[in-house]
Amino acid sequence: MSSTPLNDPQLVEQTTTVAVEEKAKLRRNFRRFDMLLFTVCALVGLDTLGTVSKKGPEAFFWLVLLAVIFLLPYALLMAEVGSAFTLEGGPYEWMKMAWGRMAASLGAMLYWVTNPIWVGGTLVLTATAAFQTNFADLNRGKITLWGDHSVYLLSFLFGLTFIWLSIVVAIVSLDKGKWIPNIGAIGRFVVLGLFSLTVVIYAIKNGLHNTPALSSYNPFNGGWGPGITLALGIVPVILFNYVGFELQNGAAEEMVNPQRDVPVTVIRSGIISVIAYVIPIFGIIAVLPASKVSGLSGFMDSVGQVFTVYGGASGAMVKFATVLFILALMTSGAVWMIGSDRVAAIAAADGGAPRFFGVFSARFGTPVRVNVTSGIVSTIFFIAATIVFTGGQGAQLFLVVLYLATSTTLLSYLLIFPAVWKLRITHGHVKRPYRFPGGYNALKGAVILCTAFMLLGSWVALFPGLLENWVGGSYVWTDNWSISRAQFEAFTLGTLAVFLVIALIGYAMGAPTRRESVALNLDLSEPVLAPDGQQAVLGD
């Protein structure tokens, strides 16, 4: 490997000839405005509004608290690392620099696989439920998918279209594909703004179900046991809502000016996202009792309820809101596909997975092979979910798949957050346009805090109820699930084990690519000595 003098303002990245060839196809057209709306789409997922709202005013307390003690430090950490290490595939490259290729490839697998599960499971279930409920007049004619499980043909085709539109948006070149998420972000603002305004009108006419008294939002009103149980039950879902700041760095080498724009878009999108969650969830809690809120269709249930204030126009208004709601869900899936598919493709091009998946389209500059794979996996999950849904267990399946997607997402951050700390130590001489406020100890504390939340959320998502009862909670399995714990654990742990085995096999298959190693100089640092006085190398 070639060496670089310590006083040279460049670092050496250990990469592969494949990665160099594929990155040559990238185009810089990702601007600050696009990055802001992209990140808002990533953070504001309307599919879980009902799940949080169903837990009542106490869940609102945790939503606000986690915005302060998790979302804020998380955003500041990503602002630093995202503007300092501006390499395509962002999170994979950070993990590689910190922990090496094998650990990074496992992290990239967990980071990527969440999204086909999420899109083909919870997102499409939520979108289809909204479509079936509010466009029921269009549902005619059934088909049989498996045994005696029959579904409405149009709803089934709607679900497939939903998935593959998300994939098409990810496939087309970013200069064109970015406009769909941009429109989706604006659609979010419209539907959430309209809903929030209507809640005020509804409250004036009909009063509130839950009073705004602060005492009603105390999660321990019913005692410590129920309070702990509720907190541990809802925290993983809120954490799942609050992740996504680093996603735009999946396309870092397609950004026009990442060192300038990443910190700005991270902070602004964080503020917008908190507002976009707090106001509608407060509205749902205020106007509907928990018994009338479904995790699957809670937001649209609330829309239907409050839009009655529009009298004869309420039906048309609900349909309009439904279209915007579905658009918001589709663009949530699309932006996560755009970002995470690039992370997976860069991992493959770098030898962390089979070379086949590391190819970017010369025409579009996008990882089409990974995009299509994501669509296939999503479709498989959707068909399986549809079969179970017709068996009357749709809401339960929604929650199981949501917990699986939550666990795979949060587990990947167990490698991403500590990497920020590790890079401050090993690559402290890299120029950082933005630094975490408060110095090194503040950064270290933020990393420990955020990692602890990820560990907590992962555990609770994989083993719901265990920690609650260990710390004095009152979790009763049968009150929360219609399937046995053995069935739940077999599905979640079994699926997770399969993913990890696939990741290890993929890493082994990437060995020929890793042998095509090349060292590149990167203009990322200032002419200062590394903390250990040695040459810094990105990756191993």
Protein backbone atom coordinates (compact mmCIF):
# COMPACT_ATOMS: atom_id res chain seq x y z
CA MET A 1 0.00 0.00 0.00
CA SER A 2 1.28 3.43 -0.81
CA SER A 3 2.09 5.79 2.03
CA THR A 4 1.36 9.47 2.48
CA PRO A 5 3.55 11.92 4.46
CA LEU A 6 2.09 13.05 7.78
CA ASN A 7 2.20 16.68 6.66
CA ASP A 8 0.27 15.92 3.49
CA PRO A 9 -3.39 17.12 3.71
CA GLN A 10 -4.61 13.75 2.48
CA LEU A 11 -5.59 10.40 3.95
CA VAL A 12 -5.27 6.96 2.47
CA GLU A 13 -8.37 4.89 1.93
CA GLN A 14 -8.00 1.15 1.46
CA THR A 15 -10.66 0.33 -1.10
CA THR A 16 -11.06 -1.85 -4.20
CA THR A 17 -10.77 -1.33 -7.93
CA VAL A 18 -14.45 -2.27 -8.21
CA ALA A 19 -15.47 0.52 -5.85
CA VAL A 20 -13.34 3.02 -7.76
CA GLU A 21 -14.93 2.01 -11.06
CA GLU A 22 -18.48 2.12 -9.70
CA LYS A 23 -18.06 5.48 -7.95
CA ALA A 24 -16.97 6.98 -11.27
CA LYS A 25 -20.63 6.63 -12.35
CA LEU A 26 -21.93 8.93 -9.59
CA ARG A 27 -23.23 12.43 -10.34
CA ARG A 28 -23.20 15.40 -7.99
CA ASN A 29 -26.70 16.87 -8.02
CA PHE A 30 -27.91 16.45 -4.41
CA ARG A 31 -28.38 19.99 -3.07
CA ARG A 32 -29.21 21.39 0.35
CA PHE A 33 -32.94 21.81 -0.32
CA ASP A 34 -33.16 18.24 -1.63
CA MET A 35 -31.18 16.90 1.34
CA LEU A 36 -33.47 18.66 3.81
CA LEU A 37 -36.70 17.26 2.36
CA PHE A 38 -35.05 13.86 1.86
CA THR A 39 -34.14 13.68 5.56
CA VAL A 40 -37.59 14.87 6.63
CA CYS A 41 -39.07 12.01 4.58
CA ALA A 42 -36.67 9.59 6.28
CA LEU A 43 -37.52 10.77 9.78
CA VAL A 44 -41.26 11.44 9.60
CA GLY A 45 -42.93 8.08 9.11
CA LEU A 46 -46.71 8.34 9.37
CA ASP A 47 -47.16 4.57 9.67
CA THR A 48 -46.36 4.55 13.41
CA LEU A 49 -48.47 7.54 14.47
CA GLY A 50 -51.29 5.21 15.49
CA THR A 51 -48.99 2.85 17.39
CA VAL A 52 -47.66 5.70 19.55
CA SER A 53 -51.03 7.41 19.94
CA LYS A 54 -52.74 4.20 21.06
CA LYS A 55 -50.63 4.27 24.23
CA GLY A 56 -52.32 7.52 25.27
CA PRO A 57 -51.05 10.74 26.87
CA GLU A 58 -48.26 8.93 28.73
CA ALA A 59 -46.64 7.94 25.41
CA PHE A 60 -46.66 11.61 24.43
CA PHE A 61 -44.42 12.31 27.43
CA TRP A 62 -41.82 9.84 26.15
CA LEU A 63 -42.10 11.24 22.62
CA VAL A 64 -41.14 14.71 23.84
CA LEU A 65 -38.52 13.53 26.34
CA LEU A 66 -36.72 11.36 23.77
CA ALA A 67 -36.65 14.29 21.36
CA VAL A 68 -34.48 16.08 23.93
CA ILE A 69 -32.31 13.31 25.36
CA PHE A 70 -31.94 11.14 22.23
CA LEU A 71 -32.84 12.95 19.01
CA LEU A 72 -30.82 16.09 19.79
CA PRO A 73 -27.49 14.41 20.66
CA TYR A 74 -27.99 11.91 17.82
CA ALA A 75 -28.47 14.74 15.32
CA LEU A 76 -25.34 16.55 16.53
CA LEU A 77 -23.25 13.36 16.28
CA MET A 78 -24.38 12.76 12.69
CA ALA A 79 -23.75 16.41 11.81
CA GLU A 80 -20.11 15.95 12.81
CA VAL A 81 -19.36 12.58 11.23
CA GLY A 82 -21.53 13.20 8.16
CA SER A 83 -19.77 16.44 7.25
CA ALA A 84 -16.26 15.14 8.03
CA PHE A 85 -16.30 11.75 6.26
CA THR A 86 -18.13 12.41 3.01
CA LEU A 87 -17.75 9.05 1.29
CA GLU A 88 -20.50 7.31 -0.68
CA GLY A 89 -22.18 4.68 1.45
CA GLY A 90 -21.71 6.84 4.55
CA PRO A 91 -22.53 4.52 7.50
CA TYR A 92 -20.70 1.57 5.91
CA GLU A 93 -17.56 3.64 5.42
CA TRP A 94 -17.69 4.97 8.99
CA MET A 95 -18.06 1.45 10.38
CA LYS A 96 -15.25 0.23 8.14
CA MET A 97 -12.90 2.97 9.29
CA ALA A 98 -13.69 2.19 12.91
CA TRP A 99 -14.14 -1.61 13.04
CA GLY A 100 -12.94 -3.08 9.74
CA ARG A 101 -14.70 -4.57 6.74
CA MET A 102 -16.32 -7.63 8.33
CA ALA A 103 -18.07 -5.72 11.11
CA ALA A 104 -19.05 -3.01 8.63
CA SER A 105 -20.55 -5.56 6.24
CA LEU A 106 -22.68 -7.04 9.05
CA GLY A 107 -23.79 -3.55 10.05
CA ALA A 108 -24.61 -2.67 6.45
CA MET A 109 -26.70 -5.84 6.10
CA LEU A 110 -28.77 -4.99 9.18
CA TYR A 111 -29.10 -1.38 8.04
CA TRP A 112 -30.27 -2.39 4.56
CA VAL A 113 -32.53 -5.37 5.28
CA THR A 114 -34.78 -3.35 7.58
CA ASN A 115 -36.20 -1.48 4.64
CA PRO A 116 -37.55 -4.26 2.41
CA ILE A 117 -39.19 -5.71 5.55
CA TRP A 118 -40.59 -2.34 6.52
CA VAL A 119 -41.83 -1.41 3.04
CA GLY A 120 -43.29 -4.85 2.31
CA GLY A 121 -44.69 -5.20 5.83
CA THR A 122 -45.78 -2.25 7.93
CA LEU A 123 -45.75 0.48 5.25
CA VAL A 124 -47.73 -1.40 2.66
CA LEU A 125 -50.14 -2.79 5.27
CA THR A 126 -50.82 0.73 6.52
CA ALA A 127 -51.24 2.12 3.00
CA THR A 128 -53.51 -0.75 1.92
CA ALA A 129 -55.66 -0.40 5.03
CA ALA A 130 -56.11 3.33 4.29
CA PHE A 131 -56.94 2.56 0.66
CA GLN A 132 -59.45 -0.17 1.53
CA THR A 133 -61.17 1.94 4.18
CA ASN A 134 -61.46 5.21 2.31
CA PHE A 135 -61.81 3.93 -1.25
CA ALA A 136 -64.03 0.97 -0.42
CA ASP A 137 -66.23 1.70 -3.40
CA LEU A 138 -63.35 0.73 -5.70
CA ASN A 139 -62.88 -2.71 -4.17
CA ARG A 140 -64.66 -5.22 -6.36
CA GLY A 141 -63.65 -8.73 -7.31
CA LYS A 142 -61.50 -11.12 -5.32
CA ILE A 143 -58.66 -13.52 -6.03
CA THR A 144 -57.39 -16.49 -4.03
CA LEU A 145 -53.76 -16.29 -2.99
CA TRP A 146 -53.36 -19.41 -0.86
CA GLY A 147 -55.86 -22.00 0.26
CA ASP A 148 -59.04 -20.18 1.24
CA HIS A 149 -57.33 -16.80 1.65
CA SER A 150 -59.04 -14.49 -0.81
CA VAL A 151 -58.27 -10.78 -1.17
CA TYR A 152 -59.66 -7.89 -3.14
CA LEU A 153 -57.82 -7.83 -6.45
CA LEU A 154 -57.56 -4.04 -6.64
CA SER A 155 -56.17 -3.76 -3.11
CA PHE A 156 -53.60 -6.45 -3.87
CA LEU A 157 -52.55 -4.67 -7.06
CA PHE A 158 -52.45 -1.42 -5.11
CA GLY A 159 -49.98 -2.98 -2.66
CA LEU A 160 -47.72 -4.25 -5.43
CA THR A 161 -47.83 -0.85 -7.14
CA PHE A 162 -46.97 0.86 -3.87
CA ILE A 163 -43.84 -1.28 -3.45
CA TRP A 164 -42.57 -1.00 -6.99
CA LEU A 165 -43.19 2.73 -7.25
CA SER A 166 -40.85 3.05 -4.25
CA ILE A 167 -38.30 0.96 -6.13
CA VAL A 168 -38.65 2.95 -9.35
CA VAL A 169 -38.01 6.16 -7.43
CA ALA A 170 -34.83 4.58 -6.04
CA ILE A 171 -33.72 3.34 -9.46
CA VAL A 172 -34.01 6.53 -11.49
CA SER A 173 -31.12 8.99 -11.34
CA LEU A 174 -31.05 11.08 -8.19
CA ASP A 175 -31.50 14.37 -10.06
CA LYS A 176 -34.94 13.13 -11.15
CA GLY A 177 -35.84 10.65 -8.40
CA LYS A 178 -35.26 13.20 -5.63
CA TRP A 179 -38.34 15.16 -6.72
CA ILE A 180 -40.72 12.42 -5.61
CA PRO A 181 -39.45 12.53 -1.99
CA ASN A 182 -39.52 16.33 -2.22
CA ILE A 183 -43.19 16.19 -3.20
CA GLY A 184 -43.78 13.58 -0.48
CA ALA A 185 -42.28 15.85 2.17
CA ILE A 186 -44.51 18.71 1.05
CA GLY A 187 -47.47 16.31 1.08
CA ARG A 188 -46.64 15.50 4.72
CA PHE A 189 -46.71 19.16 5.63
CA VAL A 190 -50.08 19.59 3.92
CA VAL A 191 -51.83 16.57 5.45
CA LEU A 192 -50.37 17.09 8.93
CA GLY A 193 -51.09 20.81 8.80
CA LEU A 194 -54.67 20.23 7.64
CA PHE A 195 -55.20 17.58 10.31
CA SER A 196 -53.78 19.82 13.05
CA LEU A 197 -55.99 22.73 12.00
CA THR A 198 -59.04 20.48 11.88
CA VAL A 199 -58.30 19.12 15.37
CA VAL A 200 -58.57 22.68 16.69
CA ILE A 201 -61.93 23.16 14.92
CA TYR A 202 -63.14 19.76 16.18
CA ALA A 203 -62.09 20.56 19.75
CA ILE A 204 -63.95 23.87 19.68
CA LYS A 205 -67.13 22.13 18.48
CA ASN A 206 -66.97 18.85 20.38
CA GLY A 207 -64.45 19.21 23.18
CA LEU A 208 -61.46 16.96 23.84
CA HIS A 209 -61.42 13.33 24.91
CA ASN A 210 -58.22 13.85 26.93
CA THR A 211 -57.74 17.08 28.82
CA PRO A 212 -54.51 18.99 28.26
CA ALA A 213 -53.74 18.92 32.02
CA LEU A 214 -50.07 18.14 32.51
CA SER A 215 -50.83 15.54 35.18
CA SER A 216 -52.58 13.32 32.60
CA TYR A 217 -49.30 13.03 30.69
CA ASN A 218 -47.42 11.65 33.69
CA PRO A 219 -46.44 8.08 32.65
CA PHE A 220 -46.39 6.93 36.28
CA ASN A 221 -49.91 8.04 37.19
CA GLY A 222 -50.98 4.42 37.44
CA GLY A 223 -47.94 3.35 39.44
CA TRP A 224 -44.32 2.48 38.69
CA GLY A 225 -45.04 -0.98 37.34
CA PRO A 226 -47.50 0.04 34.61
CA GLY A 227 -45.39 3.15 33.90
CA ILE A 228 -42.25 1.11 33.31
CA THR A 229 -44.16 -1.37 31.17
CA LEU A 230 -45.58 1.41 28.99
CA ALA A 231 -42.20 3.14 28.67
CA LEU A 232 -40.31 0.04 27.60
CA GLY A 233 -43.14 -0.94 25.27
CA ILE A 234 -43.24 2.37 23.41
CA VAL A 235 -39.60 3.54 23.50
CA PRO A 236 -38.39 1.19 20.68
CA VAL A 237 -41.11 2.48 18.34
CA ILE A 238 -40.27 6.11 19.13
CA LEU A 239 -36.56 5.39 18.59
CA PHE A 240 -37.48 3.77 15.25
CA ASN A 241 -39.33 6.98 14.35
CA TYR A 242 -36.39 9.15 15.33
CA VAL A 243 -33.60 7.56 13.26
CA GLY A 244 -32.50 8.57 9.77
CA PHE A 245 -30.15 11.57 9.99
CA GLU A 246 -27.25 9.62 8.47
CA LEU A 247 -29.32 8.22 5.59
CA GLN A 248 -28.52 11.11 3.23
CA ASN A 249 -24.82 10.25 3.59
CA GLY A 250 -25.52 7.05 1.71
CA ALA A 251 -25.34 9.38 -1.30
CA ALA A 252 -22.52 11.56 0.10
CA GLU A 253 -20.47 11.66 -3.11
CA GLU A 254 -23.58 12.78 -4.99
CA MET A 255 -23.96 15.84 -2.75
CA VAL A 256 -22.93 19.19 -4.19
CA ASN A 257 -21.36 20.43 -0.94
CA PRO A 258 -21.69 17.88 1.90
CA GLN A 259 -19.29 19.59 4.30
CA ARG A 260 -21.40 22.73 4.22
CA ASP A 261 -24.87 21.22 3.82
CA VAL A 262 -24.94 18.11 6.06
CA PRO A 263 -24.88 19.94 9.43
CA VAL A 264 -27.51 22.44 8.29
CA THR A 265 -29.91 19.83 6.92
CA VAL A 266 -29.48 17.54 9.93
CA ILE A 267 -30.36 20.25 12.47
CA ARG A 268 -33.24 21.72 10.45
CA SER A 269 -34.78 18.35 9.61
CA GLY A 270 -34.61 17.38 13.28
CA ILE A 271 -36.59 20.44 14.33
CA ILE A 272 -39.16 19.93 11.56
CA SER A 273 -39.54 16.23 12.38
CA VAL A 274 -40.17 16.74 16.08
CA ILE A 275 -42.90 19.26 15.25
CA ALA A 276 -44.34 16.87 12.65
CA TYR A 277 -44.64 14.11 15.27
CA VAL A 278 -45.65 16.09 18.35
CA ILE A 279 -48.58 18.04 16.89
CA PRO A 280 -50.50 15.20 15.13
CA ILE A 281 -49.90 12.67 17.93
CA PHE A 282 -51.15 15.19 20.46
CA GLY A 283 -54.18 15.71 18.21
CA ILE A 284 -54.93 11.98 17.96
CA ILE A 285 -54.63 11.54 21.73
CA ALA A 286 -56.78 14.59 22.36
CA VAL A 287 -59.75 13.63 20.18
CA LEU A 288 -59.89 9.83 20.32
CA PRO A 289 -59.97 7.32 23.19
CA ALA A 290 -57.24 4.67 22.98
CA SER A 291 -59.86 1.98 22.33
CA LYS A 292 -60.67 3.64 19.00
CA VAL A 293 -57.07 4.00 17.85
CA SER A 294 -55.53 1.17 15.84
CA GLY A 295 -51.79 0.72 15.40
CA LEU A 296 -52.53 -0.14 11.79
CA SER A 297 -54.82 2.76 10.86
CA GLY A 298 -54.73 5.10 13.85
CA PHE A 299 -53.89 8.28 11.98
CA MET A 300 -56.55 7.83 9.30
CA ASP A 301 -59.08 6.81 11.99
CA SER A 302 -58.44 10.16 13.61
CA VAL A 303 -58.67 11.97 10.28
CA GLY A 304 -62.06 10.39 9.63
CA GLN A 305 -63.25 11.39 13.09
CA VAL A 306 -62.18 15.04 13.09
CA PHE A 307 -63.02 15.69 9.44
CA THR A 308 -66.70 15.25 10.30
CA VAL A 309 -66.61 18.98 11.07
CA TYR A 310 -66.67 19.58 7.31
CA GLY A 311 -70.17 18.13 7.00
CA GLY A 312 -71.08 17.04 3.48
CA ALA A 313 -67.56 17.72 2.25
CA SER A 314 -65.99 15.39 4.81
CA GLY A 315 -65.94 12.38 2.46
CA ALA A 316 -64.01 14.22 -0.24
CA MET A 317 -61.69 15.76 2.36
CA VAL A 318 -60.90 12.34 3.83
CA LYS A 319 -60.14 10.96 0.36
CA PHE A 320 -57.82 13.90 -0.29
CA ALA A 321 -56.04 13.30 3.02
CA THR A 322 -55.80 9.59 2.23
CA VAL A 323 -54.01 10.26 -1.06
CA LEU A 324 -51.49 12.51 0.69
CA PHE A 325 -51.10 9.96 3.49
CA ILE A 326 -50.35 7.16 1.02
CA LEU A 327 -47.92 9.43 -0.86
CA ALA A 328 -46.14 10.16 2.43
CA LEU A 329 -45.85 6.44 3.21
CA MET A 330 -44.55 5.64 -0.28
CA THR A 331 -41.91 8.35 -0.16
CA SER A 332 -40.82 7.19 3.31
CA GLY A 333 -40.04 3.83 1.78
CA ALA A 334 -38.45 5.38 -1.30
CA VAL A 335 -35.94 7.54 0.57
CA TRP A 336 -34.87 4.67 2.80
CA MET A 337 -34.41 2.54 -0.31
CA ILE A 338 -32.36 5.31 -1.96
CA GLY A 339 -30.05 5.67 1.04
CA SER A 340 -29.77 2.13 2.41
CA ASP A 341 -29.47 0.50 -1.02
CA ARG A 342 -26.43 2.68 -1.69
CA VAL A 343 -24.95 1.61 1.66
CA ALA A 344 -25.44 -2.05 0.67
CA ALA A 345 -24.06 -1.51 -2.84
CA ILE A 346 -20.92 0.26 -1.61
CA ALA A 347 -20.37 -2.57 0.89
CA ALA A 348 -20.54 -5.07 -1.99
CA ALA A 349 -18.24 -3.00 -4.23
CA ASP A 350 -15.78 -2.86 -1.33
CA GLY A 351 -15.78 -6.64 -0.89
CA GLY A 352 -18.23 -6.83 2.02
CA ALA A 353 -20.80 -8.74 -0.08
CA PRO A 354 -20.95 -10.44 -3.50
CA ARG A 355 -19.59 -8.27 -6.28
CA PHE A 356 -22.84 -8.66 -8.24
CA PHE A 357 -24.60 -6.27 -5.85
CA GLY A 358 -21.89 -3.61 -6.02
CA VAL A 359 -22.73 -2.45 -9.54
CA PHE A 360 -24.13 1.03 -10.21
CA SER A 361 -26.02 1.73 -13.42
CA ALA A 362 -24.00 3.74 -15.94
CA ARG A 363 -27.26 5.27 -17.17
CA PHE A 364 -28.80 6.23 -13.83
CA GLY A 365 -25.86 6.30 -11.43
CA THR A 366 -27.88 4.15 -9.00
CA PRO A 367 -27.44 0.60 -7.60
CA VAL A 368 -30.19 -0.98 -9.71
CA ARG A 369 -29.36 -4.58 -8.73
CA VAL A 370 -29.74 -3.86 -5.02
CA ASN A 371 -32.86 -1.79 -5.75
CA VAL A 372 -34.51 -4.68 -7.57
CA THR A 373 -33.47 -7.11 -4.82
CA SER A 374 -35.11 -4.82 -2.27
CA GLY A 375 -38.29 -4.85 -4.35
CA ILE A 376 -38.33 -8.64 -4.57
CA VAL A 377 -37.83 -9.04 -0.81
CA SER A 378 -40.55 -6.45 -0.13
CA THR A 379 -42.94 -8.24 -2.48
CA ILE A 380 -42.37 -11.57 -0.72
CA PHE A 381 -43.08 -9.98 2.65
CA PHE A 382 -46.17 -8.25 1.25
CA ILE A 383 -47.66 -11.44 -0.17
CA ALA A 384 -47.02 -13.29 3.09
CA ALA A 385 -48.50 -10.39 5.05
CA THR A 386 -51.56 -10.27 2.80
CA ILE A 387 -52.26 -13.96 3.36
CA VAL A 388 -52.09 -13.54 7.12
CA PHE A 389 -54.05 -10.29 6.90
CA THR A 390 -56.97 -12.08 5.25
CA GLY A 391 -56.89 -14.49 8.15
CA GLY A 392 -57.96 -11.67 10.46
CA GLN A 393 -54.55 -11.08 12.06
CA GLY A 394 -53.46 -8.01 10.11
CA ALA A 395 -53.06 -5.70 13.11
CA GLN A 396 -51.08 -8.35 14.98
CA LEU A 397 -48.84 -9.05 12.01
CA PHE A 398 -48.30 -5.31 11.61
CA LEU A 399 -46.94 -5.14 15.15
CA VAL A 400 -44.75 -8.26 14.82
CA VAL A 401 -43.16 -7.02 11.59
CA LEU A 402 -42.76 -3.54 13.08
CA TYR A 403 -40.84 -5.04 16.02
CA LEU A 404 -38.65 -7.06 13.64
CA ALA A 405 -37.88 -3.99 11.52
CA THR A 406 -37.20 -2.01 14.69
CA SER A 407 -34.73 -4.58 16.00
CA THR A 408 -32.69 -4.83 12.79
CA THR A 409 -32.54 -1.05 12.48
CA LEU A 410 -31.51 -0.38 16.07
CA LEU A 411 -28.94 -3.19 16.09
CA SER A 412 -27.07 -1.56 13.21
CA TYR A 413 -26.66 1.61 15.28
CA LEU A 414 -24.75 -0.36 17.91
CA LEU A 415 -21.89 -0.16 15.40
CA ILE A 416 -22.63 3.28 13.95
CA PHE A 417 -22.76 5.38 17.14
CA PRO A 418 -19.54 4.06 18.73
CA ALA A 419 -17.81 4.59 15.36
CA VAL A 420 -18.25 8.36 15.82
CA TRP A 421 -16.28 8.19 19.07
CA LYS A 422 -13.67 5.86 17.60
CA LEU A 423 -13.13 8.16 14.60
CA ARG A 424 -12.65 11.16 16.88
CA ILE A 425 -9.77 9.21 18.49
CA THR A 426 -8.18 7.57 15.44
CA HIS A 427 -8.97 10.25 12.87
CA GLY A 428 -9.06 13.34 15.04
CA HIS A 429 -6.89 15.20 12.55
CA VAL A 430 -9.53 14.97 9.80
CA LYS A 431 -11.03 18.36 9.11
CA ARG A 432 -14.43 18.66 10.77
CA PRO A 433 -16.51 21.54 9.38
CA TYR A 434 -18.84 20.96 12.35
CA ARG A 435 -17.83 19.63 15.77
CA PHE A 436 -20.05 18.27 18.52
CA PRO A 437 -20.52 21.11 21.03
CA GLY A 438 -18.86 20.78 24.40
CA GLY A 439 -15.70 19.04 23.32
CA TYR A 440 -14.48 15.45 23.39
CA ASN A 441 -16.09 14.45 26.71
CA ALA A 442 -19.48 15.75 25.59
CA LEU A 443 -19.20 13.73 22.37
CA LYS A 444 -18.22 10.62 24.33
CA GLY A 445 -21.19 11.05 26.66
CA ALA A 446 -23.58 11.50 23.71
CA VAL A 447 -22.26 8.34 22.03
CA ILE A 448 -22.70 6.34 25.25
CA LEU A 449 -26.22 7.69 25.75
CA CYS A 450 -27.36 7.06 22.16
CA THR A 451 -25.79 3.59 22.10
CA ALA A 452 -27.51 2.73 25.38
CA PHE A 453 -30.86 3.71 23.88
CA MET A 454 -30.17 1.51 20.85
CA LEU A 455 -29.24 -1.40 23.11
CA LEU A 456 -32.39 -0.91 25.18
CA GLY A 457 -34.60 -0.59 22.12
CA SER A 458 -33.08 -3.66 20.46
CA TRP A 459 -33.54 -5.80 23.56
CA VAL A 460 -37.16 -4.76 24.09
CA ALA A 461 -37.99 -5.28 20.40
CA LEU A 462 -36.48 -8.77 20.43
CA PHE A 463 -37.65 -9.83 23.90
CA PRO A 464 -40.74 -7.78 24.77
CA GLY A 465 -41.84 -8.08 28.38
CA LEU A 466 -38.69 -9.62 29.88
CA LEU A 467 -36.95 -6.41 30.93
CA GLU A 468 -40.24 -4.86 31.99
CA ASN A 469 -40.90 -7.58 34.54
CA TRP A 470 -37.27 -7.74 35.68
CA VAL A 471 -37.36 -4.07 36.71
CA GLY A 472 -40.74 -4.25 38.41
CA GLY A 473 -43.08 -3.74 35.48
CA SER A 474 -46.41 -5.45 34.90
CA TYR A 475 -46.14 -6.88 31.41
CA VAL A 476 -48.64 -9.64 30.60
CA TRP A 477 -47.85 -11.36 27.30
CA THR A 478 -51.41 -12.36 26.43
CA ASP A 479 -52.61 -8.78 26.92
CA ASN A 480 -50.29 -7.63 24.15
CA TRP A 481 -50.03 -10.49 21.67
CA SER A 482 -52.42 -13.01 20.16
CA ILE A 483 -49.50 -15.34 19.35
CA SER A 484 -47.33 -17.19 21.85
CA ARG A 485 -43.93 -15.94 22.95
CA ALA A 486 -42.38 -19.02 21.35
CA GLN A 487 -43.94 -18.11 17.99
CA PHE A 488 -42.83 -14.49 18.32
CA GLU A 489 -39.25 -15.36 19.22
CA ALA A 490 -39.06 -18.05 16.54
CA PHE A 491 -40.09 -15.50 13.92
CA THR A 492 -37.94 -12.56 15.06
CA LEU A 493 -34.81 -14.39 16.23
CA GLY A 494 -35.04 -16.93 13.42
CA THR A 495 -35.34 -14.19 10.79
CA LEU A 496 -32.48 -12.24 12.37
CA ALA A 497 -30.28 -15.36 12.43
CA VAL A 498 -30.99 -15.95 8.74
CA PHE A 499 -29.97 -12.37 7.94
CA LEU A 500 -26.70 -12.71 9.84
CA VAL A 501 -25.87 -16.02 8.14
CA ILE A 502 -26.59 -14.45 4.75
CA ALA A 503 -24.32 -11.52 5.68
CA LEU A 504 -21.46 -13.85 6.65
CA ILE A 505 -21.86 -15.90 3.47
CA GLY A 506 -21.97 -12.69 1.46
CA TYR A 507 -18.79 -11.46 3.12
CA ALA A 508 -17.03 -14.72 2.24
CA MET A 509 -18.21 -14.37 -1.36
CA GLY A 510 -16.74 -10.86 -1.44
CA ALA A 511 -13.18 -12.18 -0.92
CA PRO A 512 -12.20 -11.98 -4.63
CA THR A 513 -13.25 -8.33 -4.68
CA ARG A 514 -11.24 -7.57 -1.54
CA ARG A 515 -8.16 -9.04 -3.19
CA GLU A 516 -8.39 -6.30 -5.83
CA SER A 517 -7.23 -3.83 -3.21
CA VAL A 518 -6.13 -0.29 -3.94
CA ALA A 519 -5.02 2.63 -1.75
CA LEU A 520 -6.37 6.06 -2.61
CA ASN A 521 -5.49 9.50 -1.34
CA LEU A 522 -8.51 11.42 -0.09
CA ASP A 523 -8.57 15.16 0.51
CA LEU A 524 -10.35 15.01 3.88
CA SER A 525 -7.80 16.26 6.40
CA GLU A 526 -5.73 19.24 7.39
CA PRO A 527 -1.91 19.03 7.60
CA VAL A 528 -1.81 17.98 11.26
CA LEU A 529 -0.33 14.92 12.95
CA ALA A 530 -2.65 12.08 13.85
CA PRO A 531 -3.14 11.61 17.63
CA ASP A 532 -0.88 8.53 17.66
CA GLY A 533 1.69 10.08 15.32
CA GLN A 534 1.02 7.40 12.70
CA GLN A 535 -0.33 7.47 9.16
CA ALA A 536 -4.12 7.26 9.16
CA VAL A 537 -5.72 4.61 6.98
CA LEU A 538 -9.43 4.49 6.17
CA GLY A 539 -10.53 0.89 6.38
CA ASP A 540 -8.41 -2.20 6.69
